[in-house]
PDB file of N, CA and C in Angstrom:
ATOM      1  N   MET A   1       0.745  -1.158  -0.361  1.00  0.00           N
ATOM      2  CA  MET A   1       0.226  -0.259   0.076  1.00  0.00           C
ATOM      3  C   MET A   1       0.703   1.423   0.472  1.00  0.00           C
ATOM      4  N   PRO A   2       0.719   2.607  -0.700  1.00  0.00           N
ATOM      5  CA  PRO A   2       1.192   3.463  -1.060  1.00  0.00           C
ATOM      6  C   PRO A   2       1.166   4.804   0.592  1.00  0.00           C
ATOM      7  N   LYS A   3       2.200   4.147   1.037  1.00  0.00           N
ATOM      8  CA  LYS A   3       2.002   5.907   1.801  1.00  0.00           C
ATOM      9  C   LYS A   3       0.683   7.103   1.075  1.00  0.00           C
ATOM     10  N   LYS A   4       0.624   7.699   2.466  1.00  0.00           N
ATOM     11  CA  LYS A   4       0.096   8.782   2.102  1.00  0.00           C
ATOM     12  C   LYS A   4       0.522   9.517   2.299  1.00  0.00           C
ATOM     13  N   LYS A   5       0.523  10.866   1.309  1.00  0.00           N
ATOM     14  CA  LYS A   5       1.596  12.020   1.978  1.00  0.00           C
ATOM     15  C   LYS A   5       0.994  13.228   2.026  1.00  0.00           C
ATOM     16  N   VAL A   6       1.437  13.798   3.459  1.00  0.00           N
ATOM     17  CA  VAL A   6       0.510  14.688   3.887  1.00  0.00           C
ATOM     18  C   VAL A   6       0.862  15.684   3.682  1.00  0.00           C
ATOM     19  N   ASN A   7       0.106  16.574   3.178  1.00  0.00           N
ATOM     20  CA  ASN A   7       0.133  18.568   3.468  1.00  0.00           C
ATOM     21  C   ASN A   7       0.151  19.254   4.809  1.00  0.00           C
ATOM     22  N   THR A   8       1.448  19.675   4.727  1.00  0.00           N
ATOM     23  CA  THR A   8       1.440  20.478   6.466  1.00  0.00           C
ATOM     24  C   THR A   8       1.667  22.146   5.716  1.00  0.00           C
ATOM     25  N   VAL A   9       0.217  22.590   6.239  1.00  0.00           N
ATOM     26  CA  VAL A   9       0.080  24.212   5.512  1.00  0.00           C
ATOM     27  C   VAL A   9       0.552  24.740   6.956  1.00  0.00           C
ATOM     28  N   LEU A  10       1.577  26.016   7.339  1.00  0.00           N
ATOM     29  CA  LEU A  10       1.860  26.965   7.714  1.00  0.00           C
ATOM     30  C   LEU A  10       0.279  28.042   8.075  1.00  0.00           C
ATOM     31  N   PRO A  11       0.353  27.862   8.934  1.00  0.00           N
ATOM     32  CA  PRO A  11      -0.498  29.224   9.210  1.00  0.00           C
ATOM     33  C   PRO A  11      -0.125  30.375   9.237  1.00  0.00           C
ATOM     34  N   LYS A  12      -0.087  30.791   8.519  1.00  0.00           N
ATOM     35  CA  LYS A  12      -0.245  33.114   8.459  1.00  0.00           C
ATOM     36  C   LYS A  12       0.334  33.709   9.926  1.00  0.00           C
ATOM     37  N   LEU A  13       1.772  34.493   9.611  1.00  0.00           N
ATOM     38  CA  LEU A  13       1.966  34.899  10.461  1.00  0.00           C
ATOM     39  C   LEU A  13       2.578  35.865  10.543  1.00  0.00           C
ATOM     40  N   THR A  14       1.813  37.151  11.153  1.00  0.00           N
ATOM     41  CA  THR A  14       2.427  38.406  11.653  1.00  0.00           C
ATOM     42  C   THR A  14       3.430  38.152  11.652  1.00  0.00           C
ATOM     43  N   ASP A  15       4.542  39.813  11.264  1.00  0.00           N
ATOM     44  CA  ASP A  15       5.440  40.351  11.334  1.00  0.00           C
ATOM     45  C   ASP A  15       6.300  39.993  12.480  1.00  0.00           C
ATOM     46  N   SER A  16       5.260  39.686  13.991  1.00  0.00           N
ATOM     47  CA  SER A  16       6.040  40.663  15.091  1.00  0.00           C
ATOM     48  C   SER A  16       5.998  38.892  15.799  1.00  0.00           C
ATOM     49  N   GLU A  17       5.230  37.965  15.240  1.00  0.00           N
ATOM     50  CA  GLU A  17       4.942  36.264  15.168  1.00  0.00           C
ATOM     51  C   GLU A  17       6.493  36.310  14.546  1.00  0.00           C
ATOM     52  N   ARG A  18       6.492  36.032  13.111  1.00  0.00           N
ATOM     53  CA  ARG A  18       7.796  35.724  12.929  1.00  0.00           C
ATOM     54  C   ARG A  18       8.676  35.978  13.416  1.00  0.00           C
ATOM     55  N   GLY A  19       8.814  37.937  14.124  1.00  0.00           N
ATOM     56  CA  GLY A  19       9.163  37.985  14.748  1.00  0.00           C
ATOM     57  C   GLY A  19      10.189  37.531  16.252  1.00  0.00           C
ATOM     58  N   LEU A  20       9.691  36.846  17.272  1.00  0.00           N
ATOM     59  CA  LEU A  20       9.428  36.349  17.943  1.00  0.00           C
ATOM     60  C   LEU A  20       9.386  34.625  18.082  1.00  0.00           C
ATOM     61  N   LEU A  21       9.318  34.459  16.914  1.00  0.00           N
ATOM     62  CA  LEU A  21       9.283  32.681  16.914  1.00  0.00           C
ATOM     63  C   LEU A  21      11.267  33.267  15.870  1.00  0.00           C
ATOM     64  N   SER A  22      12.090  33.780  15.454  1.00  0.00           N
ATOM     65  CA  SER A  22      13.524  33.405  15.210  1.00  0.00           C
ATOM     66  C   SER A  22      14.062  33.778  16.459  1.00  0.00           C
ATOM     67  N   GLN A  23      13.480  34.696  17.007  1.00  0.00           N
ATOM     68  CA  GLN A  23      13.572  35.037  18.136  1.00  0.00           C
ATOM     69  C   GLN A  23      14.194  33.757  18.924  1.00  0.00           C
ATOM     70  N   LEU A  24      13.878  32.917  19.740  1.00  0.00           N
ATOM     71  CA  LEU A  24      13.628  31.630  20.208  1.00  0.00           C
ATOM     72  C   LEU A  24      14.330  30.611  19.188  1.00  0.00           C
ATOM     73  N   GLU A  25      13.882  30.159  18.570  1.00  0.00           N
ATOM     74  CA  GLU A  25      14.783  29.851  16.985  1.00  0.00           C
ATOM     75  C   GLU A  25      16.653  30.233  17.448  1.00  0.00           C
ATOM     76  N   GLU A  26      16.410  31.447  17.545  1.00  0.00           N
ATOM     77  CA  GLU A  26      18.015  31.181  18.032  1.00  0.00           C
ATOM     78  C   GLU A  26      18.676  31.713  19.417  1.00  0.00           C
ATOM     79  N   GLY A  27      17.764  30.564  20.177  1.00  0.00           N
ATOM     80  CA  GLY A  27      18.311  30.375  21.171  1.00  0.00           C
ATOM     81  C   GLY A  27      18.321  31.448  23.067  1.00  0.00           C
ATOM     82  N   TYR A  28      16.946  32.118  23.007  1.00  0.00           N
ATOM     83  CA  TYR A  28      16.672  33.111  23.752  1.00  0.00           C
ATOM     84  C   TYR A  28      14.735  32.140  24.560  1.00  0.00           C
ATOM     85  N   HIS A  29      14.564  32.904  25.694  1.00  0.00           N
ATOM     86  CA  HIS A  29      13.724  32.304  25.866  1.00  0.00           C
ATOM     87  C   HIS A  29      12.329  33.329  26.053  1.00  0.00           C
ATOM     88  N   LEU A  30      11.045  33.194  25.934  1.00  0.00           N
ATOM     89  CA  LEU A  30       9.885  33.949  26.100  1.00  0.00           C
ATOM     90  C   LEU A  30       9.513  33.919  27.488  1.00  0.00           C
ATOM     91  N   GLU A  31       9.605  35.176  28.071  1.00  0.00           N
ATOM     92  CA  GLU A  31       8.909  35.034  29.456  1.00  0.00           C
ATOM     93  C   GLU A  31       8.459  36.000  28.828  1.00  0.00           C
ATOM     94  N   THR A  32       6.647  36.143  29.877  1.00  0.00           N
ATOM     95  CA  THR A  32       5.628  36.415  30.411  1.00  0.00           C
ATOM     96  C   THR A  32       5.109  36.209  31.899  1.00  0.00           C
ATOM     97  N   ASP A  33       4.450  37.917  32.265  1.00  0.00           N
ATOM     98  CA  ASP A  33       3.903  37.167  33.896  1.00  0.00           C
ATOM     99  C   ASP A  33       2.843  36.640  33.590  1.00  0.00           C
ATOM    100  N   SER A  34       2.266  36.035  34.204  1.00  0.00           N
ATOM    101  CA  SER A  34       1.338  34.778  34.266  1.00  0.00           C
ATOM    102  C   SER A  34      -0.023  35.187  33.614  1.00  0.00           C
ATOM    103  N   LEU A  35      -0.580  36.373  33.120  1.00  0.00           N
ATOM    104  CA  LEU A  35      -1.558  36.697  32.186  1.00  0.00           C
ATOM    105  C   LEU A  35      -1.282  36.717  31.277  1.00  0.00           C
ATOM    106  N   GLY A  36       0.159  36.577  30.312  1.00  0.00           N
ATOM    107  CA  GLY A  36       0.404  36.915  29.665  1.00  0.00           C
ATOM    108  C   GLY A  36       1.324  37.885  29.186  1.00  0.00           C
ATOM    109  N   ASN A  37       1.150  39.089  29.817  1.00  0.00           N
ATOM    110  CA  ASN A  37       1.657  40.644  29.465  1.00  0.00           C
ATOM    111  C   ASN A  37       3.530  40.987  29.400  1.00  0.00           C
ATOM    112  N   ASP A  38       3.464  42.299  28.872  1.00  0.00           N
ATOM    113  CA  ASP A  38       4.956  42.582  29.185  1.00  0.00           C
ATOM    114  C   ASP A  38       5.898  40.868  28.872  1.00  0.00           C
ATOM    115  N   PRO A  39       6.271  40.560  27.674  1.00  0.00           N
ATOM    116  CA  PRO A  39       6.953  39.382  26.671  1.00  0.00           C
ATOM    117  C   PRO A  39       8.026  40.558  27.034  1.00  0.00           C
ATOM    118  N   VAL A  40       9.270  39.687  27.754  1.00  0.00           N
ATOM    119  CA  VAL A  40      10.375  39.606  26.991  1.00  0.00           C
ATOM    120  C   VAL A  40      11.469  39.058  26.652  1.00  0.00           C
ATOM    121  N   LEU A  41      11.921  38.779  25.397  1.00  0.00           N
ATOM    122  CA  LEU A  41      13.208  37.431  25.412  1.00  0.00           C
ATOM    123  C   LEU A  41      14.709  38.273  26.488  1.00  0.00           C
ATOM    124  N   ARG A  42      14.631  36.698  26.634  1.00  0.00           N
ATOM    125  CA  ARG A  42      16.016  35.967  27.511  1.00  0.00           C
ATOM    126  C   ARG A  42      16.965  34.999  26.919  1.00  0.00           C
ATOM    127  N   ARG A  43      18.054  35.440  26.926  1.00  0.00           N
ATOM    128  CA  ARG A  43      18.846  33.839  26.617  1.00  0.00           C
ATOM    129  C   ARG A  43      19.598  33.486  27.824  1.00  0.00           C
ATOM    130  N   LEU A  44      19.751  32.386  27.429  1.00  0.00           N
ATOM    131  CA  LEU A  44      20.173  31.875  29.039  1.00  0.00           C
ATOM    132  C   LEU A  44      21.464  31.323  28.727  1.00  0.00           C
ATOM    133  N   LYS A  45      22.236  31.713  27.904  1.00  0.00           N
ATOM    134  CA  LYS A  45      23.708  31.575  27.636  1.00  0.00           C
ATOM    135  C   LYS A  45      24.316  32.923  28.561  1.00  0.00           C
ATOM    136  N   ASP A  46      24.055  34.208  28.414  1.00  0.00           N
ATOM    137  CA  ASP A  46      24.230  35.401  29.225  1.00  0.00           C
ATOM    138  C   ASP A  46      24.154  35.640  29.466  1.00  0.00           C
ATOM    139  N   ASN A  47      22.159  35.348  29.581  1.00  0.00           N
ATOM    140  CA  ASN A  47      21.358  36.080  30.760  1.00  0.00           C
ATOM    141  C   ASN A  47      20.900  37.914  30.466  1.00  0.00           C
ATOM    142  N   GLU A  48      21.078  37.630  28.289  1.00  0.00           N
ATOM    143  CA  GLU A  48      20.493  39.337  27.654  1.00  0.00           C
ATOM    144  C   GLU A  48      19.601  39.491  27.652  1.00  0.00           C
ATOM    145  N   VAL A  49      18.904  40.289  27.656  1.00  0.00           N
ATOM    146  CA  VAL A  49      18.164  40.245  28.353  1.00  0.00           C
ATOM    147  C   VAL A  49      16.567  41.356  26.743  1.00  0.00           C
ATOM    148  N   LEU A  50      16.122  40.946  25.696  1.00  0.00           N
ATOM    149  CA  LEU A  50      15.626  42.117  24.981  1.00  0.00           C
ATOM    150  C   LEU A  50      14.146  42.159  25.235  1.00  0.00           C
ATOM    151  N   ARG A  51      13.820  43.232  24.909  1.00  0.00           N
ATOM    152  CA  ARG A  51      12.177  43.644  25.169  1.00  0.00           C
ATOM    153  C   ARG A  51      11.427  44.002  23.705  1.00  0.00           C
ATOM    154  N   PRO A  52      11.483  43.058  23.173  1.00  0.00           N
ATOM    155  CA  PRO A  52      10.170  43.477  21.520  1.00  0.00           C
ATOM    156  C   PRO A  52       9.244  43.892  21.463  1.00  0.00           C
ATOM    157  N   ALA A  53       9.514  45.015  20.679  1.00  0.00           N
ATOM    158  CA  ALA A  53       8.992  46.308  21.134  1.00  0.00           C
ATOM    159  C   ALA A  53       7.333  46.299  19.769  1.00  0.00           C
ATOM    160  N   ASP A  54       6.846  44.884  19.208  1.00  0.00           N
ATOM    161  CA  ASP A  54       6.041  44.805  18.493  1.00  0.00           C
ATOM    162  C   ASP A  54       5.196  43.596  19.554  1.00  0.00           C
ATOM    163  N   ALA A  55       5.740  43.095  20.331  1.00  0.00           N
ATOM    164  CA  ALA A  55       4.902  41.759  20.818  1.00  0.00           C
ATOM    165  C   ALA A  55       4.551  42.162  21.610  1.00  0.00           C
ATOM    166  N   ASN A  56       3.279  41.741  22.036  1.00  0.00           N
ATOM    167  CA  ASN A  56       2.031  41.476  23.489  1.00  0.00           C
ATOM    168  C   ASN A  56       1.557  40.469  23.520  1.00  0.00           C
ATOM    169  N   ALA A  57       0.637  40.747  25.042  1.00  0.00           N
ATOM    170  CA  ALA A  57      -0.589  39.292  25.115  1.00  0.00           C
ATOM    171  C   ALA A  57      -0.843  38.364  24.210  1.00  0.00           C
ATOM    172  N   SER A  58      -1.220  39.462  23.548  1.00  0.00           N
ATOM    173  CA  SER A  58      -2.427  38.716  22.294  1.00  0.00           C
ATOM    174  C   SER A  58      -1.974  37.988  21.130  1.00  0.00           C
ATOM    175  N   THR A  59      -0.110  38.354  20.318  1.00  0.00           N
ATOM    176  CA  THR A  59       0.333  37.354  20.005  1.00  0.00           C
ATOM    177  C   THR A  59       1.625  36.720  20.792  1.00  0.00           C
ATOM    178  N   VAL A  60       1.700  36.489  22.195  1.00  0.00           N
ATOM    179  CA  VAL A  60       1.639  35.301  22.778  1.00  0.00           C
ATOM    180  C   VAL A  60       0.845  33.943  22.418  1.00  0.00           C
ATOM    181  N   LYS A  61      -0.443  34.366  22.752  1.00  0.00           N
ATOM    182  CA  LYS A  61      -1.587  33.863  22.867  1.00  0.00           C
ATOM    183  C   LYS A  61      -1.710  33.481  21.830  1.00  0.00           C
ATOM    184  N   ALA A  62      -1.703  34.367  20.229  1.00  0.00           N
ATOM    185  CA  ALA A  62      -2.071  33.994  18.969  1.00  0.00           C
ATOM    186  C   ALA A  62      -1.400  32.775  18.752  1.00  0.00           C
ATOM    187  N   LEU A  63       0.234  32.932  19.338  1.00  0.00           N
ATOM    188  CA  LEU A  63       1.330  31.364  18.619  1.00  0.00           C
ATOM    189  C   LEU A  63       0.830  30.048  19.778  1.00  0.00           C
ATOM    190  N   ARG A  64       0.526  30.347  20.792  1.00  0.00           N
ATOM    191  CA  ARG A  64       0.051  29.599  22.139  1.00  0.00           C
ATOM    192  C   ARG A  64      -1.224  28.176  21.090  1.00  0.00           C
ATOM    193  N   GLN A  65      -2.004  29.479  20.443  1.00  0.00           N
ATOM    194  CA  GLN A  65      -3.357  28.407  19.572  1.00  0.00           C
ATOM    195  C   GLN A  65      -2.886  28.038  18.574  1.00  0.00           C
ATOM    196  N   ARG A  66      -2.058  28.465  17.417  1.00  0.00           N
ATOM    197  CA  ARG A  66      -1.659  27.355  16.754  1.00  0.00           C
ATOM    198  C   ARG A  66      -0.349  26.462  17.232  1.00  0.00           C
ATOM    199  N   GLY A  67      -0.196  26.420  18.327  1.00  0.00           N
ATOM    200  CA  GLY A  67       0.485  25.214  18.670  1.00  0.00           C
ATOM    201  C   GLY A  67       2.359  25.329  18.477  1.00  0.00           C
ATOM    202  N   LEU A  68       2.637  26.785  18.613  1.00  0.00           N
ATOM    203  CA  LEU A  68       3.668  26.385  17.858  1.00  0.00           C
ATOM    204  C   LEU A  68       4.776  27.053  19.229  1.00  0.00           C
ATOM    205  N   ILE A  69       4.510  27.457  20.373  1.00  0.00           N
ATOM    206  CA  ILE A  69       4.758  27.111  21.621  1.00  0.00           C
ATOM    207  C   ILE A  69       4.548  26.973  23.118  1.00  0.00           C
ATOM    208  N   ARG A  70       5.144  26.102  23.530  1.00  0.00           N
ATOM    209  CA  ARG A  70       4.612  25.475  25.045  1.00  0.00           C
ATOM    210  C   ARG A  70       4.504  26.073  26.336  1.00  0.00           C
ATOM    211  N   PRO A  71       4.007  26.596  27.638  1.00  0.00           N
ATOM    212  CA  PRO A  71       4.417  27.162  28.461  1.00  0.00           C
ATOM    213  C   PRO A  71       5.294  26.116  29.490  1.00  0.00           C
ATOM    214  N   GLY A  72       6.341  27.454  29.725  1.00  0.00           N
ATOM    215  CA  GLY A  72       7.128  25.699  31.099  1.00  0.00           C
ATOM    216  C   GLY A  72       7.483  26.675  32.032  1.00  0.00           C
ATOM    217  N   LYS A  73       7.891  26.362  33.621  1.00  0.00           N
ATOM    218  CA  LYS A  73       7.248  26.812  34.611  1.00  0.00           C
ATOM    219  C   LYS A  73       8.982  28.240  34.412  1.00  0.00           C
ATOM    220  N   GLY A  74       9.121  29.194  35.089  1.00  0.00           N
ATOM    221  CA  GLY A  74       9.416  30.299  35.033  1.00  0.00           C
ATOM    222  C   GLY A  74      10.897  30.104  36.319  1.00  0.00           C
ATOM    223  N   HIS A  75      12.005  31.268  36.383  1.00  0.00           N
ATOM    224  CA  HIS A  75      11.816  31.521  37.478  1.00  0.00           C
ATOM    225  C   HIS A  75      11.764  31.854  38.399  1.00  0.00           C
ATOM    226  N   ASP A  76      10.025  32.782  38.717  1.00  0.00           N
ATOM    227  CA  ASP A  76       9.795  33.305  39.486  1.00  0.00           C
ATOM    228  C   ASP A  76       8.393  32.472  39.862  1.00  0.00           C
ATOM    229  N   PRO A  77       7.498  32.775  40.963  1.00  0.00           N
ATOM    230  CA  PRO A  77       6.431  31.725  40.459  1.00  0.00           C
ATOM    231  C   PRO A  77       5.499  32.465  39.891  1.00  0.00           C
ATOM    232  N   LEU A  78       5.549  33.496  39.232  1.00  0.00           N
ATOM    233  CA  LEU A  78       4.108  33.913  38.710  1.00  0.00           C
ATOM    234  C   LEU A  78       4.854  34.508  36.982  1.00  0.00           C
ATOM    235  N   THR A  79       6.375  34.065  36.927  1.00  0.00           N
ATOM    236  CA  THR A  79       6.461  33.991  35.142  1.00  0.00           C
ATOM    237  C   THR A  79       6.481  32.781  34.517  1.00  0.00           C
ATOM    238  N   ILE A  80       6.621  32.961  33.184  1.00  0.00           N
ATOM    239  CA  ILE A  80       5.858  31.831  32.218  1.00  0.00           C
ATOM    240  C   ILE A  80       6.892  31.950  32.020  1.00  0.00           C
ATOM    241  N   THR A  81       7.823  30.776  31.450  1.00  0.00           N
ATOM    242  CA  THR A  81       8.585  30.741  29.680  1.00  0.00           C
ATOM    243  C   THR A  81       8.108  29.916  28.934  1.00  0.00           C
ATOM    244  N   TRP A  82       8.170  30.505  27.641  1.00  0.00           N
ATOM    245  CA  TRP A  82       7.631  29.828  26.746  1.00  0.00           C
ATOM    246  C   TRP A  82       8.441  29.425  25.806  1.00  0.00           C
ATOM    247  N   ARG A  83       8.887  28.231  25.843  1.00  0.00           N
ATOM    248  CA  ARG A  83       9.912  27.826  25.045  1.00  0.00           C
ATOM    249  C   ARG A  83       8.964  26.759  23.043  1.00  0.00           C
ATOM    250  N   LEU A  84      10.114  26.998  22.367  1.00  0.00           N
ATOM    251  CA  LEU A  84       9.038  26.176  21.185  1.00  0.00           C
ATOM    252  C   LEU A  84       8.886  25.144  21.290  1.00  0.00           C
ATOM    253  N   ARG A  85       8.019  24.750  20.930  1.00  0.00           N
ATOM    254  CA  ARG A  85       7.262  23.800  20.360  1.00  0.00           C
ATOM    255  C   ARG A  85       8.470  22.520  19.146  1.00  0.00           C
ATOM    256  N   LEU A  86       9.033  21.590  19.396  1.00  0.00           N
ATOM    257  CA  LEU A  86       9.594  20.773  18.669  1.00  0.00           C
ATOM    258  C   LEU A  86       9.187  20.496  17.455  1.00  0.00           C
ATOM    259  N   ALA A  87       9.653  20.531  16.470  1.00  0.00           N
ATOM    260  CA  ALA A  87       8.993  20.269  14.680  1.00  0.00           C
ATOM    261  C   ALA A  87       8.921  19.157  14.299  1.00  0.00           C
ATOM    262  N   LYS A  88      10.131  18.791  14.841  1.00  0.00           N
ATOM    263  CA  LYS A  88      10.901  17.001  14.869  1.00  0.00           C
ATOM    264  C   LYS A  88      10.572  16.440  15.713  1.00  0.00           C
ATOM    265  N   ALA A  89       9.927  14.908  15.663  1.00  0.00           N
ATOM    266  CA  ALA A  89      10.498  13.865  17.155  1.00  0.00           C
ATOM    267  C   ALA A  89      11.801  13.560  17.200  1.00  0.00           C
ATOM    268  N   ARG A  90      12.328  13.741  17.904  1.00  0.00           N
ATOM    269  CA  ARG A  90      14.118  12.453  18.217  1.00  0.00           C
ATOM    270  C   ARG A  90      13.470  11.509  17.742  1.00  0.00           C
ATOM    271  N   PRO A  91      15.174  11.282  16.835  1.00  0.00           N
ATOM    272  CA  PRO A  91      15.369  10.179  16.946  1.00  0.00           C
ATOM    273  C   PRO A  91      15.094   9.095  17.527  1.00  0.00           C
ATOM    274  N   LYS A  92      14.492   7.654  17.874  1.00  0.00           N
ATOM    275  CA  LYS A  92      15.146   7.221  18.800  1.00  0.00           C
ATOM    276  C   LYS A  92      16.679   6.498  18.905  1.00  0.00           C
ATOM    277  N   LYS A  93      16.795   5.819  19.785  1.00  0.00           N
ATOM    278  CA  LYS A  93      18.195   5.262  20.008  1.00  0.00           C
ATOM    279  C   LYS A  93      17.491   4.009  20.059  1.00  0.00           C
ATOM    280  N   ALA A  94      18.951   3.401  19.173  1.00  0.00           N
ATOM    281  CA  ALA A  94      18.261   1.586  18.863  1.00  0.00           C
ATOM    282  C   ALA A  94      18.960   0.556  21.008  1.00  0.00           C
ATOM    283  N   LYS A  95      18.129   0.245  20.639  1.00  0.00           N
ATOM    284  CA  LYS A  95      18.937  -0.736  21.902  1.00  0.00           C
ATOM    285  C   LYS A  95      19.703  -1.965  21.402  1.00  0.00           C
ATOM    286  N   GLY A  96      20.502  -1.985  22.513  1.00  0.00           N
ATOM    287  CA  GLY A  96      21.413  -3.383  21.977  1.00  0.00           C
ATOM    288  C   GLY A  96      20.836  -4.702  22.414  1.00  0.00           C
ATOM    289  N   ARG A  97      21.682  -5.445  21.638  1.00  0.00           N
ATOM    290  CA  ARG A  97      21.493  -6.711  21.882  1.00  0.00           C
ATOM    291  C   ARG A  97      21.934  -7.752  23.494  1.00  0.00           C
TER     292      ARG A  97
END
C-alpha cells in the first residue's frame, strides 16, 4: 500500500509573530507574567534580555493557540517561560542486544 502524503499548511504569521519565533529559534526564551503580558526575550547563555517592541499578550496567545510555543516554568512563580514546540520527533536510540 503506498504511503499517503500529508500536507502541512503553515499558518500565516504576522511580522511580530515571525520575529518572536526567529528569536526563539536563535536560543532565546520568551518570558511573560502569569497573564501573558509584558513579553521579554531572555538568552540563557549570557542572560541577555530583549524587549520586543511589537509583541504583546495577543501575540503570545496567538502563537500558543497555533501550537507553535508551549509554556514552561519560569524562574519566578508568577513568570511563564515559553519555548518552541519541537517540530521533529527525536530519533529513537537503537537498543543493544
